[in-house]
């Protein structure tokens, strides 16, 4: 077996996000996963170091975030309005993601599969809430950046993402949004 897993991970850069939207700049799942990893790491650190709360290891959260969309290498990025249109579609798509994740794991040497399984299948109950929050935060930041470029196409998505972030009720997320979110609307000279 050629162990295609790592070669497929490199193909994340070919899977674009926000397919139903007019984008000022495109975003692929490799770029997105990197940003989610940075944000997940930050959220876990904020939880532990600033808020002094128990929580998952920040490094573990960052690694989980790097692989959180790995199944999309095989499935593509299904737009959110379709993915969550109704419970049946959501459940069916989760099954498709799981099958794709298991297929990716089968492309690894047997000795490594158990190490990657919680990452690719998003089965780590400690890291998952942080990664989900970072994923939604990344979507909101994309909206801010598109709006900054004058793209009003993202206005509705920005509102929906903000509502979802508020519903998460995570103190580390609230802290980040209060202390770190505003600079994303600034240009390089303003930073």
C-alpha atoms as a PDB file:
ATOM      1  CA  UNK A   1       0.000   0.000   0.000  1.00  0.00           C
ATOM      2  CA  UNK A   2       1.281   3.469  -0.869  1.00  0.00           C
ATOM      3  CA  UNK A   3      -0.174   5.219   2.224  1.00  0.00           C
ATOM      4  CA  UNK A   4      -1.948   7.988   0.311  1.00  0.00           C
ATOM      5  CA  UNK A   5      -3.157   9.787   3.453  1.00  0.00           C
ATOM      6  CA  UNK A   6      -0.479  12.480   3.519  1.00  0.00           C
ATOM      7  CA  UNK A   7      -0.682  13.171  -0.199  1.00  0.00           C
ATOM      8  CA  UNK A   8      -4.432  13.629   0.157  1.00  0.00           C
ATOM      9  CA  UNK A   9      -3.914  16.033   3.084  1.00  0.00           C
ATOM     10  CA  UNK A  10      -1.870  18.169   0.694  1.00  0.00           C
ATOM     11  CA  UNK A  11      -4.870  18.355  -1.626  1.00  0.00           C
ATOM     12  CA  UNK A  12      -6.840  20.341   0.953  1.00  0.00           C
ATOM     13  CA  UNK A  13      -5.664  23.446  -0.899  1.00  0.00           C
ATOM     14  CA  UNK A  14      -7.826  22.505  -3.900  1.00  0.00           C
ATOM     15  CA  UNK A  15     -11.140  22.377  -2.005  1.00  0.00           C
ATOM     16  CA  UNK A  16     -12.697  25.832  -1.930  1.00  0.00           C
ATOM     17  CA  UNK A  17     -15.152  27.063   0.671  1.00  0.00           C
ATOM     18  CA  UNK A  18     -18.161  29.369   0.420  1.00  0.00           C
ATOM     19  CA  UNK A  19     -19.152  27.945  -2.969  1.00  0.00           C
ATOM     20  CA  UNK A  20     -22.587  29.575  -3.046  1.00  0.00           C
ATOM     21  CA  UNK A  21     -21.256  33.057  -2.277  1.00  0.00           C
ATOM     22  CA  UNK A  22     -19.511  35.674  -4.409  1.00  0.00           C
ATOM     23  CA  UNK A  23     -16.118  35.935  -2.759  1.00  0.00           C
ATOM     24  CA  UNK A  24     -13.741  38.886  -2.898  1.00  0.00           C
ATOM     25  CA  UNK A  25     -10.976  36.363  -2.225  1.00  0.00           C
ATOM     26  CA  UNK A  26     -11.292  32.596  -2.245  1.00  0.00           C
ATOM     27  CA  UNK A  27     -10.577  30.421   0.754  1.00  0.00           C
ATOM     28  CA  UNK A  28      -9.639  26.753   0.657  1.00  0.00           C
ATOM     29  CA  UNK A  29      -9.941  24.182   3.427  1.00  0.00           C
ATOM     30  CA  UNK A  30      -6.180  24.121   3.994  1.00  0.00           C
ATOM     31  CA  UNK A  31      -6.139  27.866   4.754  1.00  0.00           C
ATOM     32  CA  UNK A  32      -9.307  27.521   6.780  1.00  0.00           C
ATOM     33  CA  UNK A  33      -7.946  24.595   8.800  1.00  0.00           C
ATOM     34  CA  UNK A  34      -4.803  26.554   9.624  1.00  0.00           C
ATOM     35  CA  UNK A  35      -6.863  29.496  10.858  1.00  0.00           C
ATOM     36  CA  UNK A  36      -9.133  27.216  12.886  1.00  0.00           C
ATOM     37  CA  UNK A  37      -6.026  25.620  14.445  1.00  0.00           C
ATOM     38  CA  UNK A  38      -4.653  29.049  15.424  1.00  0.00           C
ATOM     39  CA  UNK A  39      -8.025  30.068  16.867  1.00  0.00           C
ATOM     40  CA  UNK A  40      -8.602  26.761  18.691  1.00  0.00           C
ATOM     41  CA  UNK A  41      -5.157  27.005  20.247  1.00  0.00           C
ATOM     42  CA  UNK A  42      -5.880  30.593  21.302  1.00  0.00           C
ATOM     43  CA  UNK A  43      -9.291  29.742  22.776  1.00  0.00           C
ATOM     44  CA  UNK A  44      -7.873  26.858  24.813  1.00  0.00           C
ATOM     45  CA  UNK A  45      -4.999  29.053  26.037  1.00  0.00           C
ATOM     46  CA  UNK A  46      -7.400  31.857  26.969  1.00  0.00           C
ATOM     47  CA  UNK A  47      -9.512  29.360  28.885  1.00  0.00           C
ATOM     48  CA  UNK A  48      -6.515  27.999  30.797  1.00  0.00           C
ATOM     49  CA  UNK A  49      -4.178  30.999  31.203  1.00  0.00           C
ATOM     50  CA  UNK A  50      -6.479  34.027  31.341  1.00  0.00           C
ATOM     51  CA  UNK A  51      -9.747  32.666  32.694  1.00  0.00           C
ATOM     52  CA  UNK A  52      -8.036  30.017  34.865  1.00  0.00           C
ATOM     53  CA  UNK A  53     -10.601  27.378  33.899  1.00  0.00           C
ATOM     54  CA  UNK A  54     -10.097  23.661  33.357  1.00  0.00           C
ATOM     55  CA  UNK A  55     -10.129  22.589  29.751  1.00  0.00           C
ATOM     56  CA  UNK A  56      -8.445  20.635  27.006  1.00  0.00           C
ATOM     57  CA  UNK A  57      -4.784  20.941  26.137  1.00  0.00           C
ATOM     58  CA  UNK A  58      -4.284  23.849  23.677  1.00  0.00           C
ATOM     59  CA  UNK A  59      -1.841  21.864  21.532  1.00  0.00           C
ATOM     60  CA  UNK A  60      -4.309  18.993  21.273  1.00  0.00           C
ATOM     61  CA  UNK A  61      -7.017  21.445  20.181  1.00  0.00           C
ATOM     62  CA  UNK A  62      -4.754  22.930  17.514  1.00  0.00           C
ATOM     63  CA  UNK A  63      -3.963  19.514  16.040  1.00  0.00           C
ATOM     64  CA  UNK A  64      -7.627  18.477  16.123  1.00  0.00           C
ATOM     65  CA  UNK A  65      -8.490  21.671  14.248  1.00  0.00           C
ATOM     66  CA  UNK A  66      -5.917  20.954  11.536  1.00  0.00           C
ATOM     67  CA  UNK A  67      -7.822  17.788  10.654  1.00  0.00           C
ATOM     68  CA  UNK A  68     -11.404  18.880  11.406  1.00  0.00           C
ATOM     69  CA  UNK A  69     -12.357  19.152   7.712  1.00  0.00           C
ATOM     70  CA  UNK A  70     -10.133  16.331   6.428  1.00  0.00           C
ATOM     71  CA  UNK A  71     -13.120  14.330   5.160  1.00  0.00           C
ATOM     72  CA  UNK A  72     -13.901  17.189   2.758  1.00  0.00           C
ATOM     73  CA  UNK A  73     -10.889  16.106   0.696  1.00  0.00           C
ATOM     74  CA  UNK A  74     -13.126  13.262  -0.471  1.00  0.00           C
ATOM     75  CA  UNK A  75     -16.574  14.852  -0.130  1.00  0.00           C
ATOM     76  CA  UNK A  76     -15.912  18.472  -1.070  1.00  0.00           C
ATOM     77  CA  UNK A  77     -17.280  21.343   1.001  1.00  0.00           C
ATOM     78  CA  UNK A  78     -21.042  21.099   1.232  1.00  0.00           C
ATOM     79  CA  UNK A  79     -22.431  24.616   1.738  1.00  0.00           C
ATOM     80  CA  UNK A  80     -23.957  25.236   5.168  1.00  0.00           C
ATOM     81  CA  UNK A  81     -27.465  26.068   3.877  1.00  0.00           C
ATOM     82  CA  UNK A  82     -27.616  22.645   2.262  1.00  0.00           C
ATOM     83  CA  UNK A  83     -25.837  20.739   5.045  1.00  0.00           C
ATOM     84  CA  UNK A  84     -28.240  22.021   7.688  1.00  0.00           C
ATOM     85  CA  UNK A  85     -31.385  22.362   5.553  1.00  0.00           C
ATOM     86  CA  UNK A  86     -33.183  19.711   7.596  1.00  0.00           C
ATOM     87  CA  UNK A  87     -32.302  17.042  10.179  1.00  0.00           C
ATOM     88  CA  UNK A  88     -32.374  14.207   7.632  1.00  0.00           C
ATOM     89  CA  UNK A  89     -29.825  15.890   5.362  1.00  0.00           C
ATOM     90  CA  UNK A  90     -27.651  16.806   8.352  1.00  0.00           C
ATOM     91  CA  UNK A  91     -27.673  13.206   9.608  1.00  0.00           C
ATOM     92  CA  UNK A  92     -27.008  11.783   6.154  1.00  0.00           C
ATOM     93  CA  UNK A  93     -24.128  14.180   5.565  1.00  0.00           C
ATOM     94  CA  UNK A  94     -22.602  13.306   8.948  1.00  0.00           C
ATOM     95  CA  UNK A  95     -22.666   9.664   7.831  1.00  0.00           C
ATOM     96  CA  UNK A  96     -20.991  10.585   4.533  1.00  0.00           C
ATOM     97  CA  UNK A  97     -18.304  12.528   6.439  1.00  0.00           C
ATOM     98  CA  UNK A  98     -17.745   9.557   8.739  1.00  0.00           C
ATOM     99  CA  UNK A  99     -17.372   7.133   5.834  1.00  0.00           C
ATOM    100  CA  UNK A 100     -14.944   9.530   4.110  1.00  0.00           C
ATOM    101  CA  UNK A 101     -12.968   9.858   7.352  1.00  0.00           C
ATOM    102  CA  UNK A 102     -12.764   6.092   7.749  1.00  0.00           C
ATOM    103  CA  UNK A 103     -11.621   5.793   4.150  1.00  0.00           C
ATOM    104  CA  UNK A 104      -8.841   8.304   4.850  1.00  0.00           C
ATOM    105  CA  UNK A 105      -7.788   6.363   7.942  1.00  0.00           C
ATOM    106  CA  UNK A 106      -7.572   3.186   5.847  1.00  0.00           C
ATOM    107  CA  UNK A 107      -4.877   4.959   3.802  1.00  0.00           C
ATOM    108  CA  UNK A 108      -2.536   5.116   6.797  1.00  0.00           C
ATOM    109  CA  UNK A 109      -0.212   2.418   8.091  1.00  0.00           C
ATOM    110  CA  UNK A 110      -2.148   0.314  10.602  1.00  0.00           C
ATOM    111  CA  UNK A 111       0.142   1.473  13.434  1.00  0.00           C
ATOM    112  CA  UNK A 112      -0.910   5.123  12.950  1.00  0.00           C
ATOM    113  CA  UNK A 113      -4.666   4.756  12.458  1.00  0.00           C
ATOM    114  CA  UNK A 114      -5.586   4.920  16.134  1.00  0.00           C
ATOM    115  CA  UNK A 115      -3.510   8.090  16.504  1.00  0.00           C
ATOM    116  CA  UNK A 116      -5.338   9.863  13.678  1.00  0.00           C
ATOM    117  CA  UNK A 117      -8.843   8.474  14.247  1.00  0.00           C
ATOM    118  CA  UNK A 118      -9.962  11.010  16.900  1.00  0.00           C
ATOM    119  CA  UNK A 119      -8.649  13.827  14.706  1.00  0.00           C
ATOM    120  CA  UNK A 120     -10.111  12.790  11.358  1.00  0.00           C
ATOM    121  CA  UNK A 121     -13.381  11.495  12.830  1.00  0.00           C
ATOM    122  CA  UNK A 122     -13.706  14.435  15.263  1.00  0.00           C
ATOM    123  CA  UNK A 123     -14.152  12.032  18.167  1.00  0.00           C
ATOM    124  CA  UNK A 124     -12.260  13.893  20.900  1.00  0.00           C
ATOM    125  CA  UNK A 125     -14.981  15.075  23.316  1.00  0.00           C
ATOM    126  CA  UNK A 126     -12.608  17.483  25.093  1.00  0.00           C
ATOM    127  CA  UNK A 127     -11.247  19.245  22.007  1.00  0.00           C
ATOM    128  CA  UNK A 128     -14.441  19.192  19.946  1.00  0.00           C
ATOM    129  CA  UNK A 129     -16.254  22.153  21.602  1.00  0.00           C
ATOM    130  CA  UNK A 130     -13.157  24.342  21.243  1.00  0.00           C
ATOM    131  CA  UNK A 131     -12.671  23.294  17.601  1.00  0.00           C
ATOM    132  CA  UNK A 132     -16.355  23.906  16.818  1.00  0.00           C
ATOM    133  CA  UNK A 133     -16.137  27.379  18.372  1.00  0.00           C
ATOM    134  CA  UNK A 134     -12.948  28.131  16.439  1.00  0.00           C
ATOM    135  CA  UNK A 135     -14.575  26.881  13.226  1.00  0.00           C
ATOM    136  CA  UNK A 136     -17.553  29.202  13.669  1.00  0.00           C
ATOM    137  CA  UNK A 137     -15.240  32.053  14.669  1.00  0.00           C
ATOM    138  CA  UNK A 138     -13.250  31.481  11.483  1.00  0.00           C
ATOM    139  CA  UNK A 139     -16.469  31.726   9.459  1.00  0.00           C
ATOM    140  CA  UNK A 140     -17.340  34.986  11.178  1.00  0.00           C
ATOM    141  CA  UNK A 141     -13.854  36.374  10.520  1.00  0.00           C
ATOM    142  CA  UNK A 142     -14.236  35.473   6.828  1.00  0.00           C
ATOM    143  CA  UNK A 143     -17.472  37.471   6.829  1.00  0.00           C
ATOM    144  CA  UNK A 144     -15.753  40.460   8.471  1.00  0.00           C
ATOM    145  CA  UNK A 145     -12.957  40.368   5.908  1.00  0.00           C
ATOM    146  CA  UNK A 146     -15.413  40.154   2.996  1.00  0.00           C
ATOM    147  CA  UNK A 147     -17.457  43.029   4.408  1.00  0.00           C
ATOM    148  CA  UNK A 148     -14.250  45.055   4.872  1.00  0.00           C
ATOM    149  CA  UNK A 149     -13.652  44.559   1.129  1.00  0.00           C
ATOM    150  CA  UNK A 150     -17.137  45.950   0.409  1.00  0.00           C
ATOM    151  CA  UNK A 151     -18.789  42.600  -0.255  1.00  0.00           C
ATOM    152  CA  UNK A 152     -22.282  42.877   1.196  1.00  0.00           C
ATOM    153  CA  UNK A 153     -23.001  39.317   0.040  1.00  0.00           C
ATOM    154  CA  UNK A 154     -21.661  38.199   3.432  1.00  0.00           C
ATOM    155  CA  UNK A 155     -23.925  40.418   5.577  1.00  0.00           C
ATOM    156  CA  UNK A 156     -26.486  37.706   6.258  1.00  0.00           C
ATOM    157  CA  UNK A 157     -23.834  35.054   6.873  1.00  0.00           C
ATOM    158  CA  UNK A 158     -22.112  37.395   9.344  1.00  0.00           C
ATOM    159  CA  UNK A 159     -25.341  37.811  11.313  1.00  0.00           C
ATOM    160  CA  UNK A 160     -25.980  34.072  11.369  1.00  0.00           C
ATOM    161  CA  UNK A 161     -22.412  33.308  12.437  1.00  0.00           C
ATOM    162  CA  UNK A 162     -22.562  35.888  15.239  1.00  0.00           C
ATOM    163  CA  UNK A 163     -25.827  34.428  16.527  1.00  0.00           C
ATOM    164  CA  UNK A 164     -24.299  30.948  16.533  1.00  0.00           C
ATOM    165  CA  UNK A 165     -21.240  32.236  18.408  1.00  0.00           C
ATOM    166  CA  UNK A 166     -23.420  33.882  21.066  1.00  0.00           C
ATOM    167  CA  UNK A 167     -25.398  30.660  21.549  1.00  0.00           C
ATOM    168  CA  UNK A 168     -22.208  28.747  22.324  1.00  0.00           C
ATOM    169  CA  UNK A 169     -21.930  30.603  25.646  1.00  0.00           C
ATOM    170  CA  UNK A 170     -18.221  29.889  26.088  1.00  0.00           C
ATOM    171  CA  UNK A 171     -16.312  32.366  28.278  1.00  0.00           C
ATOM    172  CA  UNK A 172     -13.105  31.955  26.278  1.00  0.00           C
ATOM    173  CA  UNK A 173     -14.987  32.749  23.082  1.00  0.00           C
ATOM    174  CA  UNK A 174     -16.601  35.797  24.687  1.00  0.00           C
ATOM    175  CA  UNK A 175     -13.168  36.964  25.874  1.00  0.00           C
ATOM    176  CA  UNK A 176     -11.688  36.546  22.386  1.00  0.00           C
ATOM    177  CA  UNK A 177     -14.557  38.401  20.716  1.00  0.00           C
ATOM    178  CA  UNK A 178     -14.303  41.264  23.203  1.00  0.00           C
ATOM    179  CA  UNK A 179     -10.511  41.568  23.094  1.00  0.00           C
ATOM    180  CA  UNK A 180      -9.286  40.227  19.744  1.00  0.00           C
ATOM    181  CA  UNK A 181     -12.032  40.502  17.118  1.00  0.00           C
ATOM    182  CA  UNK A 182     -11.980  44.225  16.260  1.00  0.00           C
ATOM    183  CA  UNK A 183      -8.519  44.163  14.640  1.00  0.00           C
ATOM    184  CA  UNK A 184      -9.809  41.770  11.949  1.00  0.00           C
ATOM    185  CA  UNK A 185     -11.746  44.723  10.487  1.00  0.00           C
ATOM    186  CA  UNK A 186      -8.593  46.859  10.214  1.00  0.00           C
ATOM    187  CA  UNK A 187      -6.205  47.098   7.287  1.00  0.00           C
ATOM    188  CA  UNK A 188      -2.456  46.542   7.572  1.00  0.00           C
ATOM    189  CA  UNK A 189      -1.669  50.249   8.118  1.00  0.00           C
ATOM    190  CA  UNK A 190      -4.240  50.420  10.915  1.00  0.00           C
ATOM    191  CA  UNK A 191      -2.790  47.376  12.639  1.00  0.00           C
END
